[in-house]
Amino acid sequence: MGRSWKDVKKDKEALDRARGRDVEAAREQAHILTQAYILGDRLTQLRKAAGLSQSEVAARMQVSQPRVSKLEQGDLAQIEVGTLERYVAALGGRLRLVADFEDHDVTVSMNELDHSEGVLDCTEKACI
């Protein structure tokens, strides 16, 4: 009878630990890369729903098409708030960041930050 996937994973983890590999750090890095890939895919879906090509988005952002491609591939070097703001604006939208706390949310509109001293739109309970 063959080995179960659970046993294979357990043996691989033991081997990695014996070789001095930081398994938790590797898992965290894999999680970060996966989230970046998912973000890139979601951006691609938004662009396609807007009926735009990468070249059209790049022209609106005043960047190269390969840079838009890397962003949509989840390239961590391309994923910065300012870049995401310009990408969303190129699609006709507005980027907002939401900080989710236990007892309240804080929404920061990037446009508001550009034109004021950091207006915060607090939802749920009052802002602190």
N, C-alpha and C. Protein backbone atom coordinates (compact mmCIF):
# COMPACT_ATOMS: atom_id res chain seq x y z
N MET A 1 0.84 -1.18 0.00
CA MET A 1 0.00 0.00 0.00
C MET A 1 0.89 1.24 0.00
N GLY A 2 0.47 2.27 -0.75
CA GLY A 2 1.24 3.50 -0.84
C GLY A 2 1.12 4.36 0.41
N ARG A 3 1.98 5.35 0.47
CA ARG A 3 1.96 6.27 1.61
C ARG A 3 0.91 7.35 1.37
N SER A 4 0.36 7.83 2.46
CA SER A 4 -0.64 8.91 2.36
C SER A 4 0.08 10.24 2.12
N TRP A 5 -0.67 11.20 1.57
CA TRP A 5 -0.12 12.54 1.35
C TRP A 5 0.29 13.17 2.68
N LYS A 6 -0.49 12.91 3.72
CA LYS A 6 -0.18 13.44 5.05
C LYS A 6 1.18 12.94 5.53
N ASP A 7 1.47 11.66 5.32
CA ASP A 7 2.77 11.10 5.72
C ASP A 7 3.91 11.68 4.89
N VAL A 8 3.68 11.85 3.60
CA VAL A 8 4.71 12.43 2.73
C VAL A 8 5.05 13.84 3.19
N LYS A 9 4.02 14.66 3.48
CA LYS A 9 4.24 16.03 3.95
C LYS A 9 4.99 16.04 5.28
N LYS A 10 4.60 15.15 6.17
CA LYS A 10 5.24 15.08 7.49
C LYS A 10 6.72 14.73 7.34
N ASP A 11 7.03 13.76 6.50
CA ASP A 11 8.43 13.36 6.27
C ASP A 11 9.23 14.49 5.62
N LYS A 12 8.62 15.20 4.67
CA LYS A 12 9.30 16.31 4.00
C LYS A 12 9.59 17.43 4.99
N GLU A 13 8.64 17.73 5.85
CA GLU A 13 8.85 18.77 6.86
C GLU A 13 9.97 18.38 7.81
N ALA A 14 10.00 17.13 8.24
CA ALA A 14 11.06 16.65 9.14
C ALA A 14 12.42 16.76 8.46
N LEU A 15 12.49 16.40 7.18
CA LEU A 15 13.74 16.49 6.43
C LEU A 15 14.18 17.95 6.30
N ASP A 16 13.25 18.83 5.99
CA ASP A 16 13.57 20.26 5.89
C ASP A 16 14.10 20.81 7.21
N ARG A 17 13.45 20.46 8.29
CA ARG A 17 13.89 20.93 9.61
C ARG A 17 15.28 20.39 9.94
N ALA A 18 15.53 19.14 9.61
CA ALA A 18 16.84 18.53 9.87
C ALA A 18 17.93 19.24 9.08
N ARG A 19 17.59 19.77 7.93
CA ARG A 19 18.55 20.49 7.09
C ARG A 19 18.64 21.97 7.46
N GLY A 20 17.90 22.38 8.49
CA GLY A 20 17.99 23.76 8.97
C GLY A 20 17.09 24.74 8.25
N ARG A 21 16.16 24.25 7.48
CA ARG A 21 15.24 25.14 6.76
C ARG A 21 14.20 25.68 7.73
N ASP A 22 13.93 26.98 7.64
CA ASP A 22 12.91 27.61 8.46
C ASP A 22 11.55 27.37 7.79
N VAL A 23 10.89 26.31 8.21
CA VAL A 23 9.64 25.88 7.57
C VAL A 23 8.55 26.93 7.71
N GLU A 24 8.45 27.56 8.88
CA GLU A 24 7.42 28.58 9.08
C GLU A 24 7.65 29.78 8.16
N ALA A 25 8.90 30.20 8.03
CA ALA A 25 9.21 31.33 7.14
C ALA A 25 8.89 30.97 5.69
N ALA A 26 9.18 29.74 5.31
CA ALA A 26 8.88 29.29 3.95
C ALA A 26 7.37 29.28 3.71
N ARG A 27 6.61 28.85 4.70
CA ARG A 27 5.15 28.86 4.58
C ARG A 27 4.63 30.28 4.44
N GLU A 28 5.17 31.19 5.25
CA GLU A 28 4.74 32.59 5.20
C GLU A 28 5.06 33.19 3.84
N GLN A 29 6.25 32.91 3.32
CA GLN A 29 6.62 33.43 2.00
C GLN A 29 5.70 32.87 0.93
N ALA A 30 5.38 31.59 1.02
CA ALA A 30 4.46 30.97 0.05
C ALA A 30 3.09 31.63 0.13
N HIS A 31 2.65 31.95 1.34
CA HIS A 31 1.35 32.61 1.52
C HIS A 31 1.36 34.00 0.88
N ILE A 32 2.43 34.75 1.09
CA ILE A 32 2.56 36.09 0.52
C ILE A 32 2.54 36.02 -1.01
N LEU A 33 3.30 35.08 -1.57
CA LEU A 33 3.35 34.94 -3.03
C LEU A 33 1.99 34.53 -3.59
N THR A 34 1.29 33.67 -2.87
CA THR A 34 -0.04 33.24 -3.31
C THR A 34 -1.01 34.42 -3.30
N GLN A 35 -0.98 35.23 -2.24
CA GLN A 35 -1.86 36.39 -2.16
C GLN A 35 -1.55 37.40 -3.27
N ALA A 36 -0.27 37.58 -3.59
CA ALA A 36 0.12 38.49 -4.67
C ALA A 36 -0.40 37.98 -6.01
N TYR A 37 -0.31 36.67 -6.22
CA TYR A 37 -0.81 36.06 -7.45
C TYR A 37 -2.33 36.27 -7.56
N ILE A 38 -3.04 36.06 -6.46
CA ILE A 38 -4.49 36.24 -6.45
C ILE A 38 -4.86 37.69 -6.74
N LEU A 39 -4.12 38.64 -6.14
CA LEU A 39 -4.37 40.06 -6.40
C LEU A 39 -4.17 40.35 -7.89
N GLY A 40 -3.07 39.85 -8.45
CA GLY A 40 -2.81 40.06 -9.88
C GLY A 40 -3.93 39.52 -10.75
N ASP A 41 -4.43 38.35 -10.39
CA ASP A 41 -5.52 37.75 -11.15
C ASP A 41 -6.79 38.60 -11.03
N ARG A 42 -7.06 39.11 -9.85
CA ARG A 42 -8.25 39.96 -9.66
C ARG A 42 -8.13 41.25 -10.47
N LEU A 43 -6.92 41.81 -10.53
CA LEU A 43 -6.71 43.01 -11.33
C LEU A 43 -6.96 42.71 -12.81
N THR A 44 -6.48 41.56 -13.26
CA THR A 44 -6.70 41.15 -14.65
C THR A 44 -8.19 41.04 -14.94
N GLN A 45 -8.93 40.43 -14.03
CA GLN A 45 -10.38 40.30 -14.20
C GLN A 45 -11.05 41.68 -14.29
N LEU A 46 -10.62 42.61 -13.44
CA LEU A 46 -11.18 43.97 -13.48
C LEU A 46 -10.89 44.64 -14.82
N ARG A 47 -9.66 44.50 -15.29
CA ARG A 47 -9.29 45.12 -16.57
C ARG A 47 -10.12 44.56 -17.71
N LYS A 48 -10.25 43.24 -17.73
CA LYS A 48 -11.02 42.61 -18.80
C LYS A 48 -12.49 43.01 -18.73
N ALA A 49 -13.02 43.12 -17.52
CA ALA A 49 -14.42 43.54 -17.35
C ALA A 49 -14.61 44.98 -17.85
N ALA A 50 -13.56 45.78 -17.75
CA ALA A 50 -13.61 47.17 -18.23
C ALA A 50 -13.41 47.24 -19.74
N GLY A 51 -13.09 46.09 -20.36
CA GLY A 51 -12.91 46.05 -21.80
C GLY A 51 -11.63 46.70 -22.28
N LEU A 52 -10.60 46.69 -21.43
CA LEU A 52 -9.33 47.33 -21.77
C LEU A 52 -8.22 46.31 -21.96
N SER A 53 -7.27 46.64 -22.81
CA SER A 53 -6.08 45.82 -22.98
C SER A 53 -5.00 46.30 -22.01
N GLN A 54 -3.98 45.48 -21.83
CA GLN A 54 -2.86 45.91 -20.99
C GLN A 54 -2.21 47.16 -21.56
N SER A 55 -2.12 47.24 -22.87
CA SER A 55 -1.51 48.41 -23.51
C SER A 55 -2.31 49.68 -23.23
N GLU A 56 -3.63 49.56 -23.26
CA GLU A 56 -4.47 50.73 -22.98
C GLU A 56 -4.33 51.18 -21.53
N VAL A 57 -4.28 50.22 -20.62
CA VAL A 57 -4.10 50.56 -19.20
C VAL A 57 -2.72 51.19 -19.00
N ALA A 58 -1.71 50.62 -19.64
CA ALA A 58 -0.35 51.15 -19.53
C ALA A 58 -0.29 52.60 -20.01
N ALA A 59 -0.93 52.87 -21.13
CA ALA A 59 -0.93 54.24 -21.66
C ALA A 59 -1.59 55.20 -20.68
N ARG A 60 -2.70 54.78 -20.09
CA ARG A 60 -3.39 55.63 -19.12
C ARG A 60 -2.56 55.84 -17.86
N MET A 61 -1.78 54.82 -17.48
CA MET A 61 -0.94 54.92 -16.28
C MET A 61 0.39 55.60 -16.58
N GLN A 62 0.70 55.76 -17.86
CA GLN A 62 1.99 56.29 -18.32
C GLN A 62 3.14 55.40 -17.88
N VAL A 63 2.94 54.09 -18.07
CA VAL A 63 3.98 53.09 -17.83
C VAL A 63 4.02 52.17 -19.04
N SER A 64 4.96 51.24 -19.04
CA SER A 64 5.06 50.29 -20.15
C SER A 64 4.06 49.15 -19.98
N GLN A 65 3.70 48.52 -21.10
CA GLN A 65 2.81 47.37 -21.05
C GLN A 65 3.42 46.23 -20.25
N PRO A 66 4.75 45.96 -20.36
CA PRO A 66 5.32 44.89 -19.53
C PRO A 66 5.17 45.15 -18.03
N ARG A 67 5.16 46.41 -17.62
CA ARG A 67 4.96 46.70 -16.20
C ARG A 67 3.54 46.33 -15.76
N VAL A 68 2.56 46.62 -16.59
CA VAL A 68 1.18 46.22 -16.29
C VAL A 68 1.09 44.70 -16.24
N SER A 69 1.76 44.04 -17.17
CA SER A 69 1.77 42.58 -17.19
C SER A 69 2.35 42.01 -15.89
N LYS A 70 3.46 42.58 -15.44
CA LYS A 70 4.07 42.11 -14.19
C LYS A 70 3.15 42.33 -13.00
N LEU A 71 2.47 43.46 -12.98
CA LEU A 71 1.52 43.75 -11.91
C LEU A 71 0.42 42.69 -11.90
N GLU A 72 -0.10 42.37 -13.08
CA GLU A 72 -1.17 41.38 -13.19
C GLU A 72 -0.69 39.96 -12.91
N GLN A 73 0.61 39.74 -12.99
CA GLN A 73 1.18 38.43 -12.65
C GLN A 73 1.46 38.30 -11.16
N GLY A 74 1.25 39.38 -10.42
CA GLY A 74 1.47 39.35 -8.98
C GLY A 74 2.92 39.56 -8.60
N ASP A 75 3.68 40.27 -9.45
CA ASP A 75 5.08 40.57 -9.16
C ASP A 75 5.14 41.51 -7.96
N LEU A 76 5.70 41.02 -6.85
CA LEU A 76 5.73 41.80 -5.60
C LEU A 76 6.44 43.13 -5.75
N ALA A 77 7.41 43.21 -6.65
CA ALA A 77 8.14 44.46 -6.85
C ALA A 77 7.24 45.54 -7.46
N GLN A 78 6.14 45.13 -8.08
CA GLN A 78 5.23 46.08 -8.73
C GLN A 78 4.05 46.48 -7.85
N ILE A 79 3.81 45.70 -6.79
CA ILE A 79 2.60 45.93 -5.99
C ILE A 79 2.89 46.94 -4.89
N GLU A 80 2.61 48.19 -5.21
CA GLU A 80 2.72 49.29 -4.27
C GLU A 80 1.40 50.05 -4.30
N VAL A 81 1.06 50.70 -3.21
CA VAL A 81 -0.22 51.39 -3.13
C VAL A 81 -0.37 52.41 -4.26
N GLY A 82 0.66 53.18 -4.53
CA GLY A 82 0.58 54.18 -5.59
C GLY A 82 0.35 53.56 -6.96
N THR A 83 0.99 52.44 -7.21
CA THR A 83 0.81 51.74 -8.48
C THR A 83 -0.61 51.19 -8.60
N LEU A 84 -1.10 50.60 -7.51
CA LEU A 84 -2.47 50.09 -7.52
C LEU A 84 -3.48 51.23 -7.72
N GLU A 85 -3.20 52.37 -7.10
CA GLU A 85 -4.08 53.53 -7.26
C GLU A 85 -4.15 53.96 -8.72
N ARG A 86 -2.99 54.04 -9.38
CA ARG A 86 -2.96 54.44 -10.79
C ARG A 86 -3.63 53.39 -11.68
N TYR A 87 -3.45 52.12 -11.36
CA TYR A 87 -4.07 51.04 -12.13
C TYR A 87 -5.59 51.15 -12.05
N VAL A 88 -6.10 51.27 -10.83
CA VAL A 88 -7.55 51.37 -10.63
C VAL A 88 -8.09 52.63 -11.31
N ALA A 89 -7.37 53.73 -11.20
CA ALA A 89 -7.78 54.98 -11.86
C ALA A 89 -7.82 54.79 -13.38
N ALA A 90 -6.87 54.05 -13.93
CA ALA A 90 -6.84 53.78 -15.37
C ALA A 90 -8.07 52.99 -15.81
N LEU A 91 -8.65 52.24 -14.89
CA LEU A 91 -9.87 51.48 -15.19
C LEU A 91 -11.13 52.32 -14.95
N GLY A 92 -10.94 53.53 -14.42
CA GLY A 92 -12.07 54.41 -14.16
C GLY A 92 -12.56 54.36 -12.72
N GLY A 93 -11.79 53.72 -11.85
CA GLY A 93 -12.21 53.59 -10.46
C GLY A 93 -11.38 54.44 -9.52
N ARG A 94 -11.64 54.26 -8.25
CA ARG A 94 -10.93 54.98 -7.19
C ARG A 94 -10.52 53.96 -6.14
N LEU A 95 -9.27 53.96 -5.76
CA LEU A 95 -8.76 53.02 -4.77
C LEU A 95 -9.05 53.54 -3.37
N ARG A 96 -9.56 52.66 -2.51
CA ARG A 96 -9.75 52.97 -1.10
C ARG A 96 -9.12 51.85 -0.30
N LEU A 97 -8.49 52.20 0.79
CA LEU A 97 -7.90 51.22 1.69
C LEU A 97 -8.78 51.12 2.93
N VAL A 98 -8.98 49.90 3.39
CA VAL A 98 -9.80 49.68 4.58
C VAL A 98 -8.96 48.98 5.63
N ALA A 99 -8.85 49.62 6.79
CA ALA A 99 -8.21 48.99 7.95
C ALA A 99 -9.34 48.41 8.79
N ASP A 100 -9.33 47.11 8.98
CA ASP A 100 -10.41 46.41 9.67
C ASP A 100 -9.98 46.11 11.10
N PHE A 101 -10.59 46.81 12.05
CA PHE A 101 -10.32 46.59 13.47
C PHE A 101 -11.47 45.80 14.07
N GLU A 102 -11.26 45.29 15.28
CA GLU A 102 -12.29 44.50 15.93
C GLU A 102 -13.60 45.25 16.09
N ASP A 103 -13.50 46.52 16.51
CA ASP A 103 -14.71 47.27 16.82
C ASP A 103 -15.06 48.36 15.81
N HIS A 104 -14.24 48.53 14.77
CA HIS A 104 -14.54 49.53 13.75
C HIS A 104 -13.65 49.32 12.52
N ASP A 105 -14.06 49.95 11.44
CA ASP A 105 -13.29 49.97 10.20
C ASP A 105 -12.88 51.41 9.91
N VAL A 106 -11.74 51.57 9.28
CA VAL A 106 -11.31 52.90 8.84
C VAL A 106 -11.04 52.79 7.35
N THR A 107 -11.72 53.62 6.56
CA THR A 107 -11.53 53.64 5.11
C THR A 107 -10.78 54.92 4.75
N VAL A 108 -9.71 54.75 4.02
CA VAL A 108 -8.91 55.89 3.56
C VAL A 108 -9.00 55.92 2.04
N SER A 109 -9.53 57.01 1.51
CA SER A 109 -9.59 57.19 0.07
C SER A 109 -8.28 57.81 -0.37
N MET A 110 -7.65 57.21 -1.37
CA MET A 110 -6.37 57.73 -1.85
C MET A 110 -6.55 59.12 -2.44
N ASN A 111 -7.67 59.39 -3.10
CA ASN A 111 -7.92 60.72 -3.65
C ASN A 111 -8.00 61.76 -2.55
N GLU A 112 -8.60 61.40 -1.43
CA GLU A 112 -8.71 62.34 -0.32
C GLU A 112 -7.33 62.65 0.25
N LEU A 113 -6.46 61.65 0.28
CA LEU A 113 -5.11 61.89 0.79
C LEU A 113 -4.34 62.83 -0.11
N ASP A 114 -4.59 62.76 -1.41
CA ASP A 114 -3.91 63.64 -2.35
C ASP A 114 -4.37 65.09 -2.22
N HIS A 115 -5.63 65.30 -1.78
CA HIS A 115 -6.19 66.65 -1.80
C HIS A 115 -6.50 67.22 -0.43
N SER A 116 -6.12 66.52 0.61
CA SER A 116 -6.38 67.05 1.95
C SER A 116 -5.28 66.56 2.88
N GLU A 117 -5.54 66.69 4.14
CA GLU A 117 -4.55 66.24 5.11
C GLU A 117 -4.89 64.88 5.67
N GLY A 118 -5.37 63.97 4.83
CA GLY A 118 -5.62 62.61 5.27
C GLY A 118 -6.99 62.40 5.86
N VAL A 119 -8.01 62.69 5.12
CA VAL A 119 -9.38 62.50 5.59
C VAL A 119 -9.64 61.01 5.80
N LEU A 120 -10.18 60.67 6.94
CA LEU A 120 -10.53 59.29 7.24
C LEU A 120 -12.04 59.17 7.28
N ASP A 121 -12.57 58.18 6.57
CA ASP A 121 -14.01 57.91 6.59
C ASP A 121 -14.21 56.68 7.46
N CYS A 122 -14.68 56.87 8.67
CA CYS A 122 -14.83 55.75 9.60
C CYS A 122 -16.23 55.20 9.52
N THR A 123 -16.32 53.89 9.45
CA THR A 123 -17.61 53.23 9.42
C THR A 123 -17.77 52.41 10.67
N GLU A 124 -18.95 51.86 10.84
CA GLU A 124 -19.28 51.07 12.04
C GLU A 124 -19.28 52.00 13.25
N LYS A 125 -18.26 51.88 14.09
CA LYS A 125 -18.19 52.72 15.30
C LYS A 125 -17.28 53.91 15.04
N ALA A 126 -17.26 54.81 15.94
CA ALA A 126 -16.50 56.05 15.76
C ALA A 126 -15.01 55.80 15.62
N CYS A 127 -14.38 56.69 14.86
CA CYS A 127 -12.92 56.63 14.71
C CYS A 127 -12.26 57.10 15.99
N ILE A 128 -11.12 56.56 16.24
CA ILE A 128 -10.35 56.98 17.42
C ILE A 128 -9.21 57.86 16.93
